[in-house]
Each structure stands twice: as C-alpha cells, then as structure tokens.
Amino acid sequence: MGWTKAVVTGASSGIGDAIARRLAAQGTHVVLVARTQERLDALAAELGGSDRATVMVADLAEHADVELVVDLIATDPDIDVVVNNAGFGVSGAIVESDAAEQLSMVDVMVRCLTRLSQAAAAAMAPRGRGGILNISSVGGFAPAATFAVYGASKAYVNSFTQALHVELEPAGVHVTCVAPGFTRTEFQERADFDASGMPDFMWQTADDVARIALESLEQNKALVVPGIQNKVVVGAIRPLPLWLQRRFAGTGSG
C-alpha cells in the first residue's frame, strides 16, 4: 500500500526519525513534528527538502501545539497516515519525582496520542482508507516500579489502539500498535536509565523497529511486538497472576 502524506510525531530522533526516513524512501511526503527546529530542518534536508518533507515545530505536551497538528490532520486531505511516536520516559520513585515532568509524559503519550488518533479517525473513516500507527512499548504489559507513569501510559496505548483497530476496521482504516523493547535510541539517556548491563541480543535498532512497524501497518495488524526476544518476554509476563507481576515490578526499584 502506498501512502501519500504522513504526519510523524517525535520525528527528530530514534524510531520516529527511522520511520520518517522509510516513508520518504517509499515516496511518501512526511510532516516532521517535534520540538527541535534544527534537527527537523536537518532531517528534512536529508529527505529531499520541501518537496519531500514539511517541518512542524511543536511541543506536544502543550495543548495549543497539539491542536495545531489536529487542524493540519483535519484540513489536509492528502494526509493518509498519522504516526504517534512522540514520547519519553523518566525513571525514579514517584515520591521523589517532579510532578510536572510526570504529567508531561501523560500529556504527550496519552492525551496527545488520543487527540491525534481521534482527529485522524474522523478524517480517514469517511474516505474509507488511511492508517494510524501508535508506538507503545513492552513496558506497557506489566507494572514497572520507578517507571510507573511511563508503563501505565504505554498500557493505555496498547488498550486504546486495539479498541480503535476494531472500530475502524469496517471503515477500511488501518490501526496498528507496535510495542518495541530495548531499542538503540536516546531514550535511555533522557530517562537516566542505565541499560549497560543488558545483553546485546536484547537490543534492536530503530530502523528494525521502523521496518516492522510500517509492514505491520500495511498488513493492518492490531498489536505487534517486534523481535523474538521481546515476544518471549511478553509471552512470559501475560500468563502470570497479577500479584506475581507486581513482585517482578519491584525488582528494578532501588
């Protein structure tokens, strides 16, 4: 399936950058959304300039900026894909955390994702085509002490996206949730999370995740966990009783 124009949030680095590059290589015009003008401009230039990419600077923790993206999705009939990739993690116990930073995670990964998904659904369903790709995490399959808000936000993404998949399937709109595990991006540094002890086989590249994500969207898969290693982890977690999941959730807290 060929996409005409895609909105990609969190496009300035990591998985969002990789998804934008893959879409552009397929001939899709990409609207690059993130907070950093310089990074977006550099990526747009690499992708071929204004003929292939549009830069949209927005802080998706700010409601007014989210509405600017909503307006674009609602008014540009060429937009047939929305990729909700923007997000970040903050490690640390809730009692020691900054409340504004924790709520900012909710704003970006729950409120913004919901608002943009809703706008995309409303625009695409009447046309009978389109795609919504929401990036989640294996962290959304179980509670995680010291990553409580991040994990809960991703659990919301998993549930919300699967429900939206069922709602929009009769309309011909593809909706996919992709939940990667450890991916070599800037996420760990920003989250102040030391992953140096994680073995190499547990890691994926951002491009690997991007490839699987876009293939899964084309195939209209509801929920995808990329990588055998991550499938094993999720498969082991899901059957566990909740009390045991909570016990494991505490193993990473200090």
C-alpha atoms as a PDB file:
ATOM      1  CA  MET A   1       0.000   0.000   0.000  1.00  0.00           C
ATOM      2  CA  GLY A   2       1.406   3.385  -0.954  1.00  0.00           C
ATOM      3  CA  TRP A   3       0.865   6.293   1.423  1.00  0.00           C
ATOM      4  CA  THR A   4       0.608   9.849   0.103  1.00  0.00           C
ATOM      5  CA  LYS A   5       1.382  12.022   3.124  1.00  0.00           C
ATOM      6  CA  ALA A   6       2.252  11.094   6.693  1.00  0.00           C
ATOM      7  CA  VAL A   7       2.410  13.006   9.964  1.00  0.00           C
ATOM      8  CA  VAL A   8       5.185  11.632  12.175  1.00  0.00           C
ATOM      9  CA  THR A   9       5.485  12.906  15.746  1.00  0.00           C
ATOM     10  CA  GLY A  10       8.755  12.627  17.605  1.00  0.00           C
ATOM     11  CA  ALA A  11      10.453  12.648  14.214  1.00  0.00           C
ATOM     12  CA  SER A  12      13.694  14.321  15.300  1.00  0.00           C
ATOM     13  CA  SER A  13      15.354  11.158  16.647  1.00  0.00           C
ATOM     14  CA  GLY A  14      15.128   7.433  17.262  1.00  0.00           C
ATOM     15  CA  ILE A  15      12.206   5.416  15.946  1.00  0.00           C
ATOM     16  CA  GLY A  16      10.388   8.487  14.650  1.00  0.00           C
ATOM     17  CA  ASP A  17      13.405   9.508  12.578  1.00  0.00           C
ATOM     18  CA  ALA A  18      13.706   5.965  11.194  1.00  0.00           C
ATOM     19  CA  ILE A  19      10.001   5.791  10.318  1.00  0.00           C
ATOM     20  CA  ALA A  20      10.161   9.162   8.564  1.00  0.00           C
ATOM     21  CA  ARG A  21      13.168   8.040   6.523  1.00  0.00           C
ATOM     22  CA  ARG A  22      11.494   4.810   5.460  1.00  0.00           C
ATOM     23  CA  LEU A  23       8.276   6.579   4.485  1.00  0.00           C
ATOM     24  CA  ALA A  24      10.185   9.180   2.465  1.00  0.00           C
ATOM     25  CA  ALA A  25      12.146   6.425   0.705  1.00  0.00           C
ATOM     26  CA  GLN A  26       8.797   4.928  -0.348  1.00  0.00           C
ATOM     27  CA  GLY A  27       7.750   8.247  -1.892  1.00  0.00           C
ATOM     28  CA  THR A  28       5.527   9.453   0.961  1.00  0.00           C
ATOM     29  CA  HIS A  29       5.653  13.150   1.831  1.00  0.00           C
ATOM     30  CA  VAL A  30       6.388  13.389   5.547  1.00  0.00           C
ATOM     31  CA  VAL A  31       5.313  16.060   8.008  1.00  0.00           C
ATOM     32  CA  LEU A  32       8.025  16.026  10.666  1.00  0.00           C
ATOM     33  CA  VAL A  33       6.740  17.032  14.101  1.00  0.00           C
ATOM     34  CA  ALA A  34       8.985  17.614  17.123  1.00  0.00           C
ATOM     35  CA  ARG A  35      10.264  20.360  19.407  1.00  0.00           C
ATOM     36  CA  THR A  36      13.712  20.927  17.892  1.00  0.00           C
ATOM     37  CA  GLN A  37      13.776  23.128  14.792  1.00  0.00           C
ATOM     38  CA  GLU A  38      17.428  22.449  13.936  1.00  0.00           C
ATOM     39  CA  ARG A  39      17.062  18.674  13.959  1.00  0.00           C
ATOM     40  CA  LEU A  40      13.876  18.767  11.921  1.00  0.00           C
ATOM     41  CA  ASP A  41      15.415  21.100   9.340  1.00  0.00           C
ATOM     42  CA  ALA A  42      18.449  18.835   9.003  1.00  0.00           C
ATOM     43  CA  LEU A  43      16.291  15.740   8.555  1.00  0.00           C
ATOM     44  CA  ALA A  44      14.029  17.470   6.030  1.00  0.00           C
ATOM     45  CA  ALA A  45      17.083  18.492   4.006  1.00  0.00           C
ATOM     46  CA  GLU A  46      18.347  14.903   4.024  1.00  0.00           C
ATOM     47  CA  LEU A  47      14.971  13.661   2.826  1.00  0.00           C
ATOM     48  CA  GLY A  48      14.929  15.997  -0.159  1.00  0.00           C
ATOM     49  CA  GLY A  49      13.787  19.373   1.092  1.00  0.00           C
ATOM     50  CA  SER A  50      10.332  20.902   0.955  1.00  0.00           C
ATOM     51  CA  ASP A  51       9.203  18.712  -1.933  1.00  0.00           C
ATOM     52  CA  ARG A  52       9.535  15.623   0.254  1.00  0.00           C
ATOM     53  CA  ALA A  53       9.186  16.863   3.821  1.00  0.00           C
ATOM     54  CA  THR A  54       7.437  19.558   5.863  1.00  0.00           C
ATOM     55  CA  VAL A  55       8.768  20.743   9.219  1.00  0.00           C
ATOM     56  CA  MET A  56       6.324  21.460  12.038  1.00  0.00           C
ATOM     57  CA  VAL A  57       7.820  22.574  15.334  1.00  0.00           C
ATOM     58  CA  ALA A  58       5.502  21.668  18.227  1.00  0.00           C
ATOM     59  CA  ASP A  59       5.751  20.779  21.898  1.00  0.00           C
ATOM     60  CA  LEU A  60       3.166  18.039  22.219  1.00  0.00           C
ATOM     61  CA  ALA A  61       2.946  18.474  25.971  1.00  0.00           C
ATOM     62  CA  GLU A  62       1.304  21.827  25.201  1.00  0.00           C
ATOM     63  CA  HIS A  63      -2.378  21.581  24.343  1.00  0.00           C
ATOM     64  CA  ALA A  64      -2.273  24.525  21.927  1.00  0.00           C
ATOM     65  CA  ASP A  65       0.523  22.911  19.914  1.00  0.00           C
ATOM     66  CA  VAL A  66      -1.379  19.632  19.769  1.00  0.00           C
ATOM     67  CA  GLU A  67      -4.367  21.472  18.321  1.00  0.00           C
ATOM     68  CA  LEU A  68      -2.162  22.859  15.538  1.00  0.00           C
ATOM     69  CA  VAL A  69      -1.394  19.285  14.478  1.00  0.00           C
ATOM     70  CA  VAL A  70      -5.071  18.365  14.827  1.00  0.00           C
ATOM     71  CA  ASP A  71      -6.016  21.224  12.492  1.00  0.00           C
ATOM     72  CA  LEU A  72      -3.500  20.017   9.917  1.00  0.00           C
ATOM     73  CA  ILE A  73      -4.848  16.462  10.013  1.00  0.00           C
ATOM     74  CA  ALA A  74      -8.423  17.710   9.751  1.00  0.00           C
ATOM     75  CA  THR A  75      -7.848  20.085   6.834  1.00  0.00           C
ATOM     76  CA  ASP A  76      -5.242  18.389   4.612  1.00  0.00           C
ATOM     77  CA  PRO A  77      -6.974  15.670   2.574  1.00  0.00           C
ATOM     78  CA  ASP A  78      -3.628  14.253   1.419  1.00  0.00           C
ATOM     79  CA  ILE A  79      -2.724  13.079   4.921  1.00  0.00           C
ATOM     80  CA  ASP A  80      -3.455   9.362   4.991  1.00  0.00           C
ATOM     81  CA  VAL A  81      -1.094   8.241   7.773  1.00  0.00           C
ATOM     82  CA  VAL A  82      -0.587   9.523  11.313  1.00  0.00           C
ATOM     83  CA  VAL A  83       2.288   8.082  13.349  1.00  0.00           C
ATOM     84  CA  ASN A  84       2.072   8.770  17.080  1.00  0.00           C
ATOM     85  CA  ASN A  85       5.648   8.149  18.120  1.00  0.00           C
ATOM     86  CA  ALA A  86       6.423  11.093  20.409  1.00  0.00           C
ATOM     87  CA  GLY A  87       7.220  10.079  23.953  1.00  0.00           C
ATOM     88  CA  PHE A  88       9.826   9.875  26.663  1.00  0.00           C
ATOM     89  CA  GLY A  89      10.470   8.149  29.955  1.00  0.00           C
ATOM     90  CA  VAL A  90      11.528   9.397  33.368  1.00  0.00           C
ATOM     91  CA  SER A  91      12.927   6.952  35.897  1.00  0.00           C
ATOM     92  CA  GLY A  92      12.658   7.306  39.639  1.00  0.00           C
ATOM     93  CA  ALA A  93      10.291   6.720  42.521  1.00  0.00           C
ATOM     94  CA  ILE A  94       7.075   8.718  42.406  1.00  0.00           C
ATOM     95  CA  VAL A  95       7.676  10.265  45.822  1.00  0.00           C
ATOM     96  CA  GLU A  96      10.970  11.707  44.583  1.00  0.00           C
ATOM     97  CA  SER A  97       9.814  12.719  41.106  1.00  0.00           C
ATOM     98  CA  ASP A  98       8.886  16.048  39.594  1.00  0.00           C
ATOM     99  CA  ALA A  99       5.091  16.148  39.250  1.00  0.00           C
ATOM    100  CA  ALA A 100       5.159  18.407  36.187  1.00  0.00           C
ATOM    101  CA  GLU A 101       7.521  16.043  34.379  1.00  0.00           C
ATOM    102  CA  GLN A 102       5.366  13.018  35.179  1.00  0.00           C
ATOM    103  CA  LEU A 103       2.237  14.801  33.947  1.00  0.00           C
ATOM    104  CA  SER A 104       4.083  15.874  30.820  1.00  0.00           C
ATOM    105  CA  MET A 105       4.526  12.195  29.988  1.00  0.00           C
ATOM    106  CA  VAL A 106       0.779  11.709  30.288  1.00  0.00           C
ATOM    107  CA  ASP A 107       0.139  14.756  28.112  1.00  0.00           C
ATOM    108  CA  VAL A 108       2.412  13.510  25.330  1.00  0.00           C
ATOM    109  CA  MET A 109       1.806   9.761  25.378  1.00  0.00           C
ATOM    110  CA  VAL A 110      -1.854   9.656  26.404  1.00  0.00           C
ATOM    111  CA  ARG A 111      -3.614  12.948  25.773  1.00  0.00           C
ATOM    112  CA  CYS A 112      -1.820  13.924  22.570  1.00  0.00           C
ATOM    113  CA  LEU A 113      -1.889  10.396  21.147  1.00  0.00           C
ATOM    114  CA  THR A 114      -5.616  10.163  21.837  1.00  0.00           C
ATOM    115  CA  ARG A 115      -6.352  13.565  20.316  1.00  0.00           C
ATOM    116  CA  LEU A 116      -4.354  12.948  17.139  1.00  0.00           C
ATOM    117  CA  SER A 117      -5.749   9.429  16.746  1.00  0.00           C
ATOM    118  CA  GLN A 118      -9.271  10.787  17.092  1.00  0.00           C
ATOM    119  CA  ALA A 119      -8.607  13.520  14.545  1.00  0.00           C
ATOM    120  CA  ALA A 120      -7.106  11.003  12.127  1.00  0.00           C
ATOM    121  CA  ALA A 121     -10.024   8.613  12.562  1.00  0.00           C
ATOM    122  CA  ALA A 122     -12.550  11.374  11.926  1.00  0.00           C
ATOM    123  CA  ALA A 123     -10.730  12.446   8.754  1.00  0.00           C
ATOM    124  CA  MET A 124      -9.957   8.998   7.353  1.00  0.00           C
ATOM    125  CA  ALA A 125     -13.083   6.965   8.073  1.00  0.00           C
ATOM    126  CA  PRO A 126     -15.311   8.903   5.612  1.00  0.00           C
ATOM    127  CA  ARG A 127     -12.670   8.387   2.902  1.00  0.00           C
ATOM    128  CA  GLY A 128     -12.526   4.639   3.547  1.00  0.00           C
ATOM    129  CA  ARG A 129      -8.745   4.495   3.818  1.00  0.00           C
ATOM    130  CA  GLY A 130      -5.804   5.608   5.901  1.00  0.00           C
ATOM    131  CA  GLY A 131      -3.513   4.433   8.656  1.00  0.00           C
ATOM    132  CA  ILE A 132      -2.856   5.200  12.312  1.00  0.00           C
ATOM    133  CA  LEU A 133       0.373   3.846  13.803  1.00  0.00           C
ATOM    134  CA  ASN A 134       0.859   4.173  17.560  1.00  0.00           C
ATOM    135  CA  ILE A 135       4.227   3.354  19.098  1.00  0.00           C
ATOM    136  CA  SER A 136       3.995   1.720  22.513  1.00  0.00           C
ATOM    137  CA  SER A 137       6.482  -0.413  24.492  1.00  0.00           C
ATOM    138  CA  VAL A 138       6.857  -3.822  26.077  1.00  0.00           C
ATOM    139  CA  GLY A 139       6.829  -1.733  29.256  1.00  0.00           C
ATOM    140  CA  GLY A 140       3.082  -1.422  28.792  1.00  0.00           C
ATOM    141  CA  PHE A 141       2.431  -5.101  29.505  1.00  0.00           C
ATOM    142  CA  ALA A 142       3.238  -5.042  33.228  1.00  0.00           C
ATOM    143  CA  PRO A 143       3.646  -2.504  36.031  1.00  0.00           C
ATOM    144  CA  ALA A 144       7.182  -1.167  36.416  1.00  0.00           C
ATOM    145  CA  ALA A 145       8.369   0.383  39.656  1.00  0.00           C
ATOM    146  CA  THR A 146      10.463   3.541  39.055  1.00  0.00           C
ATOM    147  CA  PHE A 147       8.818   3.780  35.605  1.00  0.00           C
ATOM    148  CA  ALA A 148       5.249   3.813  36.902  1.00  0.00           C
ATOM    149  CA  VAL A 149       3.811   6.612  34.755  1.00  0.00           C
ATOM    150  CA  TYR A 150       5.665   5.567  31.620  1.00  0.00           C
ATOM    151  CA  GLY A 151       4.475   1.960  31.901  1.00  0.00           C
ATOM    152  CA  ALA A 152       0.913   3.000  32.673  1.00  0.00           C
ATOM    153  CA  SER A 153       0.893   5.382  29.712  1.00  0.00           C
ATOM    154  CA  LYS A 154       2.045   2.623  27.377  1.00  0.00           C
ATOM    155  CA  ALA A 155      -0.556   0.227  28.801  1.00  0.00           C
ATOM    156  CA  TYR A 156      -3.139   2.826  27.788  1.00  0.00           C
ATOM    157  CA  VAL A 157      -1.669   2.982  24.278  1.00  0.00           C
ATOM    158  CA  ASN A 158      -1.882  -0.807  23.946  1.00  0.00           C
ATOM    159  CA  SER A 159      -5.534  -0.939  25.007  1.00  0.00           C
ATOM    160  CA  PHE A 160      -6.713   2.203  23.227  1.00  0.00           C
ATOM    161  CA  THR A 161      -5.116   1.308  19.908  1.00  0.00           C
ATOM    162  CA  GLN A 162      -6.549  -2.204  19.841  1.00  0.00           C
ATOM    163  CA  ALA A 163     -10.031  -0.840  20.523  1.00  0.00           C
ATOM    164  CA  LEU A 164      -9.579   1.724  17.748  1.00  0.00           C
ATOM    165  CA  HIS A 165      -8.441  -1.057  15.413  1.00  0.00           C
ATOM    166  CA  VAL A 166     -11.770  -2.839  15.939  1.00  0.00           C
ATOM    167  CA  GLU A 167     -13.782   0.360  15.499  1.00  0.00           C
ATOM    168  CA  LEU A 168     -12.099   1.441  12.254  1.00  0.00           C
ATOM    169  CA  GLU A 169     -11.583  -1.900  10.540  1.00  0.00           C
ATOM    170  CA  PRO A 170     -15.047  -1.825   8.892  1.00  0.00           C
ATOM    171  CA  ALA A 171     -14.244   1.654   7.534  1.00  0.00           C
ATOM    172  CA  GLY A 172     -11.078   0.431   5.812  1.00  0.00           C
ATOM    173  CA  VAL A 173      -8.706   2.406   8.079  1.00  0.00           C
ATOM    174  CA  HIS A 174      -5.654   0.516   9.307  1.00  0.00           C
ATOM    175  CA  VAL A 175      -4.778   0.901  13.006  1.00  0.00           C
ATOM    176  CA  THR A 176      -1.658  -0.686  14.479  1.00  0.00           C
ATOM    177  CA  CYS A 177       0.072  -0.618  17.847  1.00  0.00           C
ATOM    178  CA  VAL A 178       3.767  -1.556  17.871  1.00  0.00           C
ATOM    179  CA  ALA A 179       5.402  -2.308  21.233  1.00  0.00           C
ATOM    180  CA  PRO A 180       9.193  -2.496  20.937  1.00  0.00           C
ATOM    181  CA  GLY A 181      11.614  -3.452  23.685  1.00  0.00           C
ATOM    182  CA  PHE A 182      15.153  -2.170  24.151  1.00  0.00           C
ATOM    183  CA  THR A 183      15.957  -0.025  21.127  1.00  0.00           C
ATOM    184  CA  ARG A 184      19.179   1.872  20.497  1.00  0.00           C
ATOM    185  CA  THR A 185      17.969   5.460  20.700  1.00  0.00           C
ATOM    186  CA  GLU A 186      18.387   8.441  23.028  1.00  0.00           C
ATOM    187  CA  PHE A 187      15.569   7.159  25.250  1.00  0.00           C
ATOM    188  CA  GLN A 188      17.792   5.585  27.918  1.00  0.00           C
ATOM    189  CA  GLU A 189      19.963   8.677  28.309  1.00  0.00           C
ATOM    190  CA  ARG A 190      16.983  11.004  28.604  1.00  0.00           C
ATOM    191  CA  ALA A 191      15.305   8.658  31.086  1.00  0.00           C
ATOM    192  CA  ASP A 192      18.509   8.496  33.154  1.00  0.00           C
ATOM    193  CA  PHE A 193      18.311   4.719  32.901  1.00  0.00           C
ATOM    194  CA  ASP A 194      21.473   2.611  32.931  1.00  0.00           C
ATOM    195  CA  ALA A 195      20.957  -0.200  30.429  1.00  0.00           C
ATOM    196  CA  SER A 196      24.647  -1.062  30.092  1.00  0.00           C
ATOM    197  CA  GLY A 197      24.083  -4.479  31.651  1.00  0.00           C
ATOM    198  CA  MET A 198      21.513  -5.500  29.044  1.00  0.00           C
ATOM    199  CA  PRO A 199      22.960  -8.173  26.702  1.00  0.00           C
ATOM    200  CA  ASP A 200      23.332  -7.345  23.018  1.00  0.00           C
ATOM    201  CA  PHE A 201      20.741  -9.890  21.900  1.00  0.00           C
ATOM    202  CA  MET A 202      18.010  -7.933  23.709  1.00  0.00           C
ATOM    203  CA  TRP A 203      18.572  -4.808  21.609  1.00  0.00           C
ATOM    204  CA  GLN A 204      17.090  -3.738  18.283  1.00  0.00           C
ATOM    205  CA  THR A 205      17.934  -0.816  16.049  1.00  0.00           C
ATOM    206  CA  ALA A 206      15.449   1.967  15.418  1.00  0.00           C
ATOM    207  CA  ASP A 207      15.415   1.030  11.737  1.00  0.00           C
ATOM    208  CA  ASP A 208      14.482  -2.585  12.560  1.00  0.00           C
ATOM    209  CA  VAL A 209      11.525  -1.344  14.599  1.00  0.00           C
ATOM    210  CA  ALA A 210      10.522   1.145  11.899  1.00  0.00           C
ATOM    211  CA  ARG A 211      10.539  -1.539   9.207  1.00  0.00           C
ATOM    212  CA  ILE A 212       8.392  -3.916  11.261  1.00  0.00           C
ATOM    213  CA  ALA A 213       6.054  -1.089  12.281  1.00  0.00           C
ATOM    214  CA  LEU A 214       5.352   0.044   8.724  1.00  0.00           C
ATOM    215  CA  GLU A 215       4.971  -3.512   7.434  1.00  0.00           C
ATOM    216  CA  SER A 216       2.530  -4.230  10.252  1.00  0.00           C
ATOM    217  CA  LEU A 217       0.503  -1.113   9.461  1.00  0.00           C
ATOM    218  CA  GLU A 218       0.240  -2.144   5.816  1.00  0.00           C
ATOM    219  CA  GLN A 219      -0.999  -5.572   6.944  1.00  0.00           C
ATOM    220  CA  ASN A 220      -3.374  -3.936   9.455  1.00  0.00           C
ATOM    221  CA  LYS A 221      -2.122  -5.916  12.420  1.00  0.00           C
ATOM    222  CA  ALA A 222      -3.671  -4.746  15.681  1.00  0.00           C
ATOM    223  CA  LEU A 223      -0.778  -5.296  18.105  1.00  0.00           C
ATOM    224  CA  VAL A 224       2.787  -6.214  17.223  1.00  0.00           C
ATOM    225  CA  VAL A 225       5.771  -6.923  19.465  1.00  0.00           C
ATOM    226  CA  PRO A 226       8.873  -6.764  17.257  1.00  0.00           C
ATOM    227  CA  GLY A 227      11.707  -9.212  17.876  1.00  0.00           C
ATOM    228  CA  ILE A 228      11.716 -12.799  19.112  1.00  0.00           C
ATOM    229  CA  GLN A 229      13.360 -11.759  22.374  1.00  0.00           C
ATOM    230  CA  ASN A 230      10.559  -9.292  23.120  1.00  0.00           C
ATOM    231  CA  LYS A 231       7.845 -11.777  22.163  1.00  0.00           C
ATOM    232  CA  VAL A 232       9.335 -14.217  24.672  1.00  0.00           C
ATOM    233  CA  VAL A 233       9.342 -11.575  27.419  1.00  0.00           C
ATOM    234  CA  VAL A 234       5.743 -10.524  26.777  1.00  0.00           C
ATOM    235  CA  GLY A 235       4.626 -14.131  26.396  1.00  0.00           C
ATOM    236  CA  ALA A 236       6.134 -14.933  29.785  1.00  0.00           C
ATOM    237  CA  ILE A 237       4.579 -11.919  31.521  1.00  0.00           C
ATOM    238  CA  ARG A 238       0.995 -12.203  30.298  1.00  0.00           C
ATOM    239  CA  PRO A 239       0.016 -15.524  31.972  1.00  0.00           C
ATOM    240  CA  LEU A 240       1.437 -14.516  35.352  1.00  0.00           C
ATOM    241  CA  PRO A 241      -1.027 -13.698  38.137  1.00  0.00           C
ATOM    242  CA  LEU A 242      -1.170 -10.002  38.975  1.00  0.00           C
ATOM    243  CA  TRP A 243       0.476 -10.458  42.374  1.00  0.00           C
ATOM    244  CA  LEU A 244       3.495 -12.037  40.701  1.00  0.00           C
ATOM    245  CA  GLN A 245       3.645  -9.286  38.068  1.00  0.00           C
ATOM    246  CA  ARG A 246       3.740  -6.766  40.899  1.00  0.00           C
ATOM    247  CA  ARG A 247       6.526  -8.745  42.597  1.00  0.00           C
ATOM    248  CA  PHE A 248       8.633  -8.544  39.437  1.00  0.00           C
ATOM    249  CA  ALA A 249       7.758  -4.860  39.078  1.00  0.00           C
ATOM    250  CA  GLY A 250       9.622  -4.157  42.292  1.00  0.00           C
ATOM    251  CA  THR A 251      12.843  -5.911  41.316  1.00  0.00           C
ATOM    252  CA  GLY A 252      14.162  -2.863  39.481  1.00  0.00           C
ATOM    253  CA  SER A 253      13.466  -0.315  42.190  1.00  0.00           C
ATOM    254  CA  GLY A 254      16.285   0.874  44.407  1.00  0.00           C
END
